[in-house]
């Protein structure tokens, strides 16, 4: 008899865990109360990238068309068509996930789930019919939900979370964004690309606090060049609805400001979604709402695993998927450990930003003899051809051994290129190994090799520094 596994949640952690367990011979059921794909596919990663793609094409034609001999008279955008295309992309990929589950023999159950024993899950379908499913292992992958801070006025008409921003019937005329993290900045890039004035309020001293400061600075300067106004080290104190719109009171380092907008996007983070799962009754350990797991993704209750945003310290879809694989393999008796060292971060703004490993500041704080190599995209042939010369590749390495500690990219196809950096960290590669890896020409990836060269011998395609 095959091992019985129940997965609660059909997002990027849950459906991947289900497929991996089925590949290893399990009989798998996935319980999902809504659409397959979770937040990432329905209200996160995928729809925002669809909007970003439209925004980038529009901005590129408007900004760069004449310089490359392409002219578009009466250039405009159709918001309804853009949103419809976003829906088509999402629906197609949701259907694809369903097809993948079916092809692997995974049964999908629509409803809510609750743990009633170590090896039993209660499922209530949309018609309120109750069923109890026994399992040899359970994988919880219930994801997260937007976290809205207790600020007066956030219940006002016109205030929205990212879910609402992805279903706007009409584009805002003026928008403020509370939060200078990944979600907030991706929407700042979308709106500003369409020519919509944007104000970003961030409590911390800088945007993207988990990204190398120099790389984050490249993105900030670019967005400022498109008219985005940043208030960092600032606090959103209140929101008031007036005849003019939403009046924000923001306390900045230089005093209070009160911008007026018609929409406010609250992008201050997300929190684990673990409501009504029965965790307390089973004695499952949690910390600040997050399910506690070990490196095998197993909780303190044997045979119960948790993956993705409901458990992970890194709320990213690709992290959830890898954790799902690790949980499934352990549930099926194949030892596996989750390693977060090579997890890349990607910000799909324009310019894009991507990072893996230690930042320069983190490497110094860890006591490394830090060596840094930089190569500007303005010196890269493919970037010049594409007219996409903002940004750089930055490599942080250990000065003694030349081991690559971190790779950070701003501009170009950064979110695709970062895979080379992740592989370098996974293999504990050195600068010499990156330099001796031949990169195709002309490609933006050549900038990675050049940044490695710049770390010790000097980049080939940069002028020799003047003698001091």
Protein backbone atom coordinates (compact mmCIF):
# COMPACT_ATOMS: atom_id res chain seq x y z
CA UNK A 1 0.00 0.00 0.00
CA UNK A 2 1.37 3.41 -0.99
CA UNK A 3 2.01 6.04 1.65
CA UNK A 4 -0.90 8.47 2.11
CA UNK A 5 -0.02 12.17 2.15
CA UNK A 6 -2.38 15.11 2.54
CA UNK A 7 -1.23 18.58 1.53
CA UNK A 8 -3.16 21.56 2.91
CA UNK A 9 -2.84 24.41 0.42
CA UNK A 10 -2.34 24.42 -3.35
CA UNK A 11 0.18 27.26 -3.72
CA UNK A 12 3.81 27.02 -4.89
CA UNK A 13 4.79 25.16 -1.72
CA UNK A 14 1.78 22.85 -1.60
CA UNK A 15 1.36 21.79 -5.22
CA UNK A 16 5.11 21.23 -5.64
CA UNK A 17 5.19 19.11 -2.47
CA UNK A 18 2.22 17.12 -3.78
CA UNK A 19 3.83 16.44 -7.14
CA UNK A 20 7.17 15.48 -5.59
CA UNK A 21 5.48 13.08 -3.15
CA UNK A 22 3.51 11.52 -6.01
CA UNK A 23 6.70 11.10 -8.03
CA UNK A 24 8.11 9.14 -5.09
CA UNK A 25 5.11 6.81 -5.04
CA UNK A 26 2.72 8.38 -2.54
CA UNK A 27 -1.04 8.56 -2.78
CA UNK A 28 -1.57 12.33 -2.51
CA UNK A 29 -4.52 14.60 -1.87
CA UNK A 30 -4.36 18.41 -1.98
CA UNK A 31 -6.95 20.45 -0.09
CA UNK A 32 -7.39 23.99 -1.44
CA UNK A 33 -10.25 26.33 -0.55
CA UNK A 34 -9.79 28.62 -3.53
CA UNK A 35 -7.88 28.53 -6.81
CA UNK A 36 -4.75 26.49 -7.29
CA UNK A 37 -1.49 28.42 -7.38
CA UNK A 38 -1.93 30.30 -4.11
CA UNK A 39 -1.11 33.96 -3.57
CA UNK A 40 1.88 33.88 -5.92
CA UNK A 41 -0.07 32.81 -8.97
CA UNK A 42 -3.39 34.54 -8.27
CA UNK A 43 -2.55 37.72 -6.36
CA UNK A 44 1.22 38.08 -6.21
CA UNK A 45 4.23 37.11 -8.29
CA UNK A 46 2.55 36.30 -11.59
CA UNK A 47 -0.09 39.04 -11.98
CA UNK A 48 2.33 41.75 -10.88
CA UNK A 49 4.89 40.55 -13.43
CA UNK A 50 2.23 40.58 -16.14
CA UNK A 51 1.48 44.21 -15.29
CA UNK A 52 5.18 45.04 -15.10
CA UNK A 53 5.70 43.57 -18.57
CA UNK A 54 3.00 45.81 -20.03
CA UNK A 55 4.37 48.82 -18.17
CA UNK A 56 7.93 48.20 -19.33
CA UNK A 57 6.92 47.84 -22.98
CA UNK A 58 4.88 51.05 -22.84
CA UNK A 59 7.68 52.97 -21.12
CA UNK A 60 10.33 51.61 -23.49
CA UNK A 61 8.43 52.68 -26.63
CA UNK A 62 7.66 56.09 -25.14
CA UNK A 63 11.18 56.71 -23.87
CA UNK A 64 13.48 54.91 -26.29
CA UNK A 65 11.48 54.44 -29.49
CA UNK A 66 12.72 57.55 -31.31
CA UNK A 67 16.36 56.85 -30.42
CA UNK A 68 16.23 53.49 -32.22
CA UNK A 69 14.09 54.64 -35.13
CA UNK A 70 10.70 53.43 -33.95
CA UNK A 71 7.90 56.01 -33.85
CA UNK A 72 4.43 55.45 -32.43
CA UNK A 73 1.95 58.23 -33.05
CA UNK A 74 -0.62 58.89 -30.33
CA UNK A 75 0.92 56.28 -28.05
CA UNK A 76 -1.51 55.34 -25.27
CA UNK A 77 -2.36 52.44 -22.99
CA UNK A 78 -5.68 50.68 -22.46
CA UNK A 79 -5.96 49.81 -18.77
CA UNK A 80 -8.84 47.39 -19.31
CA UNK A 81 -6.92 45.47 -21.96
CA UNK A 82 -3.85 45.35 -19.71
CA UNK A 83 -5.88 43.93 -16.83
CA UNK A 84 -7.60 41.44 -19.12
CA UNK A 85 -4.25 40.20 -20.37
CA UNK A 86 -3.13 39.81 -16.75
CA UNK A 87 -6.21 37.68 -16.06
CA UNK A 88 -5.55 35.52 -19.12
CA UNK A 89 -2.00 34.81 -18.00
CA UNK A 90 -3.13 33.91 -14.48
CA UNK A 91 -6.00 31.68 -15.67
CA UNK A 92 -3.74 29.85 -18.10
CA UNK A 93 -1.15 29.10 -15.43
CA UNK A 94 -3.80 28.08 -12.87
CA UNK A 95 -5.10 25.57 -15.42
CA UNK A 96 -1.53 24.37 -15.97
CA UNK A 97 -1.11 23.64 -12.25
CA UNK A 98 -4.34 21.63 -12.28
CA UNK A 99 -3.07 19.69 -15.27
CA UNK A 100 0.22 18.93 -13.54
CA UNK A 101 -1.58 17.58 -10.47
CA UNK A 102 -3.87 15.40 -12.59
CA UNK A 103 -0.99 14.04 -14.66
CA UNK A 104 0.76 12.95 -11.47
CA UNK A 105 -2.36 11.30 -10.06
CA UNK A 106 -2.85 13.87 -7.30
CA UNK A 107 -6.45 14.28 -6.13
CA UNK A 108 -7.61 17.84 -5.59
CA UNK A 109 -10.22 18.48 -2.88
CA UNK A 110 -11.93 21.88 -2.72
CA UNK A 111 -12.63 23.05 0.81
CA UNK A 112 -11.05 24.02 4.10
CA UNK A 113 -8.93 21.69 6.20
CA UNK A 114 -8.34 21.28 9.91
CA UNK A 115 -5.94 19.01 11.75
CA UNK A 116 -7.92 16.84 14.18
CA UNK A 117 -5.20 14.29 14.97
CA UNK A 118 -1.57 13.62 14.15
CA UNK A 119 -2.67 11.50 11.22
CA UNK A 120 -6.13 12.83 10.39
CA UNK A 121 -7.45 15.91 8.56
CA UNK A 122 -11.03 17.15 8.58
CA UNK A 123 -12.12 18.62 5.24
CA UNK A 124 -15.25 20.75 4.84
CA UNK A 125 -16.30 21.31 1.23
CA UNK A 126 -18.13 24.41 -0.12
CA UNK A 127 -21.48 22.72 0.60
CA UNK A 128 -20.43 22.30 4.27
CA UNK A 129 -20.11 18.56 3.87
CA UNK A 130 -17.61 17.13 6.35
CA UNK A 131 -15.12 14.37 5.64
CA UNK A 132 -12.20 12.97 7.63
CA UNK A 133 -9.10 11.81 5.77
CA UNK A 134 -6.44 9.68 7.38
CA UNK A 135 -2.85 10.23 6.35
CA UNK A 136 0.61 8.90 7.04
CA UNK A 137 2.00 12.43 6.72
CA UNK A 138 0.51 15.91 6.40
CA UNK A 139 2.19 18.91 4.76
CA UNK A 140 0.77 22.32 5.71
CA UNK A 141 1.22 24.99 3.04
CA UNK A 142 -1.43 27.60 3.82
CA UNK A 143 0.59 30.65 2.80
CA UNK A 144 0.18 34.21 4.07
CA UNK A 145 -2.06 37.27 3.96
CA UNK A 146 -1.39 41.03 3.81
CA UNK A 147 -0.46 42.58 7.16
CA UNK A 148 -2.18 45.92 7.70
CA UNK A 149 -0.69 48.06 10.51
CA UNK A 150 -2.96 49.79 13.09
CA UNK A 151 -2.81 53.26 11.54
CA UNK A 152 -5.88 55.53 11.83
CA UNK A 153 -7.72 55.87 8.56
CA UNK A 154 -6.55 52.71 6.81
CA UNK A 155 -10.18 51.64 6.60
CA UNK A 156 -10.93 54.64 4.35
CA UNK A 157 -12.28 54.28 0.83
CA UNK A 158 -9.37 54.27 -1.59
CA UNK A 159 -6.98 52.38 0.70
CA UNK A 160 -5.99 48.99 -0.71
CA UNK A 161 -3.60 46.09 -0.28
CA UNK A 162 -1.76 44.44 -3.16
CA UNK A 163 -4.83 42.27 -3.78
CA UNK A 164 -6.88 45.38 -4.51
CA UNK A 165 -4.15 46.99 -6.59
CA UNK A 166 -4.22 43.98 -8.93
CA UNK A 167 -7.93 44.41 -9.66
CA UNK A 168 -8.28 48.16 -10.19
CA UNK A 169 -10.94 49.02 -12.76
CA UNK A 170 -9.19 52.28 -13.61
CA UNK A 171 -5.63 53.45 -12.95
CA UNK A 172 -5.16 55.92 -10.08
CA UNK A 173 -4.35 59.54 -10.88
CA UNK A 174 -2.03 59.85 -7.87
CA UNK A 175 -0.91 57.01 -5.64
CA UNK A 176 0.96 56.65 -2.37
CA UNK A 177 2.62 53.42 -1.28
CA UNK A 178 3.25 52.57 2.37
CA UNK A 179 6.27 50.28 2.30
CA UNK A 180 9.55 50.41 0.40
CA UNK A 181 10.05 46.65 0.14
CA UNK A 182 9.69 44.39 -2.87
CA UNK A 183 5.89 44.62 -3.21
CA UNK A 184 5.77 48.38 -2.81
CA UNK A 185 8.58 49.07 -5.26
CA UNK A 186 7.21 46.75 -7.94
CA UNK A 187 3.96 48.68 -7.86
CA UNK A 188 5.89 51.96 -7.81
CA UNK A 189 7.61 50.79 -10.99
CA UNK A 190 4.30 49.82 -12.61
CA UNK A 191 2.49 53.07 -11.83
CA UNK A 192 5.42 55.38 -12.61
CA UNK A 193 6.00 53.63 -15.96
CA UNK A 194 2.46 54.65 -16.92
CA UNK A 195 3.20 58.24 -15.91
CA UNK A 196 1.26 58.12 -12.63
CA UNK A 197 2.76 60.23 -9.79
CA UNK A 198 3.94 58.01 -6.91
CA UNK A 199 4.94 58.72 -3.31
CA UNK A 200 6.65 55.96 -1.29
CA UNK A 201 6.75 56.07 2.52
CA UNK A 202 9.26 53.74 4.21
CA UNK A 203 9.89 53.55 7.95
CA UNK A 204 13.48 52.28 7.61
CA UNK A 205 16.38 54.52 6.52
CA UNK A 206 16.48 53.01 3.03
CA UNK A 207 14.44 50.98 0.56
CA UNK A 208 14.95 47.23 0.07
CA UNK A 209 16.70 46.69 3.43
CA UNK A 210 17.51 43.05 2.55
CA UNK A 211 19.35 44.03 -0.65
CA UNK A 212 22.93 45.32 -0.90
CA UNK A 213 22.73 49.06 -0.16
CA UNK A 214 24.66 50.11 -3.27
CA UNK A 215 22.41 48.06 -5.54
CA UNK A 216 19.26 49.35 -3.85
CA UNK A 217 20.58 52.85 -4.42
CA UNK A 218 20.71 52.26 -8.17
CA UNK A 219 16.98 51.43 -8.20
CA UNK A 220 16.06 54.39 -6.01
CA UNK A 221 17.88 56.87 -8.25
CA UNK A 222 16.24 55.40 -11.33
CA UNK A 223 12.74 55.61 -9.85
CA UNK A 224 13.39 59.15 -8.65
CA UNK A 225 14.36 60.01 -12.21
CA UNK A 226 10.85 58.90 -13.22
CA UNK A 227 9.27 61.19 -10.66
CA UNK A 228 8.81 58.81 -7.70
CA UNK A 229 9.09 60.67 -4.40
CA UNK A 230 10.62 58.78 -1.48
CA UNK A 231 10.18 59.50 2.22
CA UNK A 232 12.53 57.09 4.01
CA UNK A 233 13.08 57.01 7.77
CA UNK A 234 9.48 58.26 7.84
CA UNK A 235 6.29 57.18 9.53
CA UNK A 236 2.77 57.18 8.12
CA UNK A 237 0.82 58.58 11.06
CA UNK A 238 -2.74 58.83 9.75
CA UNK A 239 -4.97 58.87 6.67
CA UNK A 240 -7.95 61.20 6.30
CA UNK A 241 -10.57 61.14 3.55
CA UNK A 242 -11.24 64.66 2.17
CA UNK A 243 -12.97 66.13 -0.86
CA UNK A 244 -9.56 66.30 -2.56
CA UNK A 245 -8.80 62.64 -1.87
CA UNK A 246 -6.78 60.79 0.76
CA UNK A 247 -4.66 63.15 2.85
CA UNK A 248 -1.69 61.39 4.44
CA UNK A 249 0.15 62.70 7.45
CA UNK A 250 3.75 61.52 7.16
CA UNK A 251 6.36 62.33 9.79
CA UNK A 252 9.75 62.67 8.10
CA UNK A 253 13.20 63.52 9.44
CA UNK A 254 12.73 67.12 8.27
CA UNK A 255 9.19 67.48 9.60
CA UNK A 256 5.65 66.42 8.69
CA UNK A 257 4.36 66.34 5.10
CA UNK A 258 0.78 65.81 3.94
CA UNK A 259 0.58 64.49 0.38
CA UNK A 260 -2.90 64.06 -1.14
CA UNK A 261 -3.61 61.06 -3.37
CA UNK A 262 -6.64 59.19 -4.63
CA UNK A 263 -5.25 55.75 -3.78
CA UNK A 264 -3.05 54.40 -0.99
CA UNK A 265 -1.44 50.99 -1.35
CA UNK A 266 -0.52 49.38 1.96
CA UNK A 267 2.50 47.18 1.21
CA UNK A 268 3.95 46.81 4.69
CA UNK A 269 4.43 43.05 4.57
CA UNK A 270 2.57 39.79 4.99
CA UNK A 271 1.86 37.46 7.90
CA UNK A 272 1.49 33.67 8.06
CA UNK A 273 -2.02 32.37 7.45
CA UNK A 274 -2.70 29.60 9.98
CA UNK A 275 -6.27 30.35 11.04
CA UNK A 276 -8.50 27.50 12.25
CA UNK A 277 -5.94 24.80 11.41
CA UNK A 278 -6.15 23.17 14.84
CA UNK A 279 -2.45 23.69 15.54
CA UNK A 280 -2.98 24.52 19.20
CA UNK A 281 -5.04 21.41 19.86
CA UNK A 282 -2.22 19.22 18.54
CA UNK A 283 0.48 21.14 20.39
CA UNK A 284 2.21 22.31 17.22
CA UNK A 285 4.88 24.87 18.08
CA UNK A 286 4.48 28.35 16.58
CA UNK A 287 6.45 31.57 16.89
CA UNK A 288 4.71 34.89 16.18
CA UNK A 289 2.11 33.04 14.15
CA UNK A 290 4.68 31.12 12.11
CA UNK A 291 4.81 27.32 12.33
CA UNK A 292 8.17 26.21 13.68
CA UNK A 293 10.02 23.54 11.66
CA UNK A 294 13.46 22.00 11.54
CA UNK A 295 15.70 21.78 8.47
CA UNK A 296 13.66 18.78 7.31
CA UNK A 297 10.58 21.06 7.32
CA UNK A 298 9.05 18.85 10.05
CA UNK A 299 7.25 20.33 13.05
CA UNK A 300 7.58 19.13 16.64
CA UNK A 301 4.70 16.75 15.87
CA UNK A 302 6.05 13.71 14.03
CA UNK A 303 4.77 13.28 10.49
CA UNK A 304 3.49 16.87 10.30
CA UNK A 305 5.42 19.20 7.99
CA UNK A 306 4.99 22.88 7.10
CA UNK A 307 6.36 24.81 4.14
CA UNK A 308 6.12 28.22 2.52
CA UNK A 309 4.90 31.48 4.03
CA UNK A 310 3.07 29.83 6.93
CA UNK A 311 6.39 28.49 8.22
CA UNK A 312 9.34 29.95 6.35
CA UNK A 313 11.47 32.85 7.49
CA UNK A 314 11.84 33.84 3.82
CA UNK A 315 8.47 34.52 2.18
CA UNK A 316 9.29 33.78 -1.47
CA UNK A 317 7.55 31.44 -3.89
CA UNK A 318 10.76 29.69 -4.97
CA UNK A 319 11.65 29.12 -1.32
CA UNK A 320 8.23 27.59 -0.70
CA UNK A 321 8.67 25.27 -3.68
CA UNK A 322 12.06 24.01 -2.52
CA UNK A 323 10.76 23.57 1.02
CA UNK A 324 7.86 21.59 -0.45
CA UNK A 325 10.30 19.26 -2.19
CA UNK A 326 12.31 18.83 1.02
CA UNK A 327 9.18 18.07 3.07
CA UNK A 328 7.88 15.57 0.52
CA UNK A 329 11.19 13.76 0.32
CA UNK A 330 11.45 13.44 4.09
CA UNK A 331 7.83 12.34 4.36
CA UNK A 332 8.67 9.58 1.89
CA UNK A 333 11.76 8.46 3.80
CA UNK A 334 14.35 10.22 1.65
CA UNK A 335 16.50 12.43 3.95
CA UNK A 336 16.78 16.02 2.72
CA UNK A 337 17.69 19.32 4.38
CA UNK A 338 16.65 22.85 3.46
CA UNK A 339 19.62 25.12 2.69
CA UNK A 340 18.88 28.85 2.54
CA UNK A 341 22.43 29.92 1.59
CA UNK A 342 21.72 29.99 -2.13
CA UNK A 343 18.25 31.58 -2.07
CA UNK A 344 18.17 34.47 -4.54
CA UNK A 345 16.07 37.57 -4.09
CA UNK A 346 14.53 39.17 -7.17
CA UNK A 347 12.78 42.51 -7.58
CA UNK A 348 11.03 42.82 -10.95
CA UNK A 349 11.19 46.58 -11.17
CA UNK A 350 12.62 48.60 -14.03
CA UNK A 351 15.57 48.42 -13.65
CA UNK A 352 15.38 44.95 -12.16
CA UNK A 353 17.33 44.02 -9.04
CA UNK A 354 18.57 40.60 -7.94
CA UNK A 355 20.80 39.39 -5.15
CA UNK A 356 22.14 36.19 -3.61
CA UNK A 357 24.47 35.61 -0.68
CA UNK A 358 26.05 38.22 1.57
CA UNK A 359 25.90 41.94 0.88
CA UNK A 360 29.08 43.96 1.24
CA UNK A 361 28.03 45.20 4.68
CA UNK A 362 27.02 41.71 5.82
CA UNK A 363 30.33 40.24 4.66
CA UNK A 364 32.30 42.86 6.59
CA UNK A 365 30.13 42.35 9.69
CA UNK A 366 30.84 38.60 9.46
CA UNK A 367 34.58 39.29 9.68
CA UNK A 368 35.59 38.52 6.10
CA UNK A 369 38.53 40.20 4.39
CA UNK A 370 36.16 41.64 1.81
CA UNK A 371 37.05 42.19 -1.82
CA UNK A 372 34.52 43.85 -4.14
CA UNK A 373 34.38 43.85 -7.93
CA UNK A 374 32.00 46.02 -9.95
CA UNK A 375 31.22 46.23 -13.63
CA UNK A 376 28.82 48.87 -14.99
CA UNK A 377 26.30 47.82 -17.62
CA UNK A 378 27.19 51.00 -19.53
CA UNK A 379 30.39 49.16 -20.51
CA UNK A 380 28.57 46.01 -21.65
CA UNK A 381 27.92 45.71 -25.38
CA UNK A 382 24.55 43.93 -25.16
CA UNK A 383 23.27 46.47 -22.64
CA UNK A 384 24.27 49.31 -24.96
CA UNK A 385 22.48 47.59 -27.85
CA UNK A 386 19.33 47.23 -25.74
CA UNK A 387 19.55 50.78 -24.45
CA UNK A 388 19.49 49.37 -20.92
CA UNK A 389 22.66 50.70 -19.34
CA UNK A 390 21.50 51.59 -15.82
CA UNK A 391 23.05 49.47 -13.13
CA UNK A 392 25.93 47.12 -12.53
CA UNK A 393 27.05 43.67 -11.48
CA UNK A 394 28.72 43.59 -8.08
CA UNK A 395 30.55 40.59 -6.66
CA UNK A 396 31.51 40.34 -3.00
CA UNK A 397 34.28 37.83 -2.28
CA UNK A 398 36.69 36.74 0.42
CA UNK A 399 40.05 38.43 -0.08
CA UNK A 400 42.08 35.51 1.23
CA UNK A 401 40.63 32.61 -0.73
CA UNK A 402 38.70 34.37 -3.49
CA UNK A 403 35.50 32.53 -2.54
CA UNK A 404 32.37 34.21 -3.87
CA UNK A 405 30.26 35.41 -0.93
CA UNK A 406 27.56 37.34 -2.74
CA UNK A 407 26.43 38.44 -6.20
CA UNK A 408 24.30 41.53 -6.66
CA UNK A 409 22.87 42.88 -9.91
CA UNK A 410 20.93 46.00 -10.85
CA UNK A 411 19.66 46.42 -14.40
CA UNK A 412 19.44 44.21 -17.45
CA UNK A 413 17.95 40.73 -17.07
CA UNK A 414 19.11 40.70 -13.45
CA UNK A 415 16.42 38.30 -12.24
CA UNK A 416 17.47 35.70 -14.82
CA UNK A 417 21.21 36.26 -14.47
CA UNK A 418 21.23 35.77 -10.70
CA UNK A 419 21.07 31.99 -11.20
CA UNK A 420 24.78 32.04 -12.02
CA UNK A 421 25.45 33.68 -8.68
CA UNK A 422 23.29 31.15 -6.83
CA UNK A 423 25.15 28.27 -8.49
CA UNK A 424 28.49 29.89 -7.60
CA UNK A 425 27.51 29.97 -3.94
CA UNK A 426 26.15 26.42 -4.08
CA UNK A 427 29.46 25.14 -5.45
CA UNK A 428 31.56 27.44 -3.24
CA UNK A 429 33.10 28.85 -6.41
CA UNK A 430 36.02 31.25 -6.48
CA UNK A 431 36.58 34.37 -8.56
CA UNK A 432 39.02 32.46 -10.73
CA UNK A 433 36.37 29.86 -11.57
CA UNK A 434 33.95 32.56 -12.69
CA UNK A 435 36.65 34.34 -14.71
CA UNK A 436 37.67 31.12 -16.45
CA UNK A 437 34.05 30.31 -17.34
CA UNK A 438 33.48 31.51 -20.90
CA UNK A 439 30.46 33.81 -21.21
CA UNK A 440 28.81 34.16 -24.61
CA UNK A 441 29.25 37.43 -26.51
CA UNK A 442 27.36 39.69 -26.78
CA UNK A 443 25.35 38.98 -23.63
CA UNK A 444 24.70 40.87 -20.43
CA UNK A 445 26.06 37.84 -18.56
CA UNK A 446 29.56 38.88 -19.65
CA UNK A 447 29.29 41.55 -16.96
CA UNK A 448 29.44 38.79 -14.32
CA UNK A 449 32.82 37.61 -15.59
CA UNK A 450 34.03 41.19 -15.85
CA UNK A 451 32.96 41.95 -12.27
CA UNK A 452 34.94 38.92 -11.12
CA UNK A 453 37.97 40.19 -13.06
CA UNK A 454 37.50 43.65 -11.58
CA UNK A 455 37.82 42.10 -8.12
CA UNK A 456 41.50 41.33 -8.55
CA UNK A 457 43.13 41.85 -11.96
CA UNK A 458 41.02 44.60 -13.49
CA UNK A 459 38.13 44.27 -15.93
CA UNK A 460 39.07 43.94 -19.61
CA UNK A 461 36.42 46.34 -20.86
CA UNK A 462 37.04 49.19 -18.42
CA UNK A 463 39.77 51.81 -18.86
CA UNK A 464 42.87 51.22 -16.81
CA UNK A 465 42.76 53.37 -13.67
CA UNK A 466 45.05 56.37 -13.73
CA UNK A 467 48.25 55.92 -11.74
CA UNK A 468 48.03 57.51 -8.32
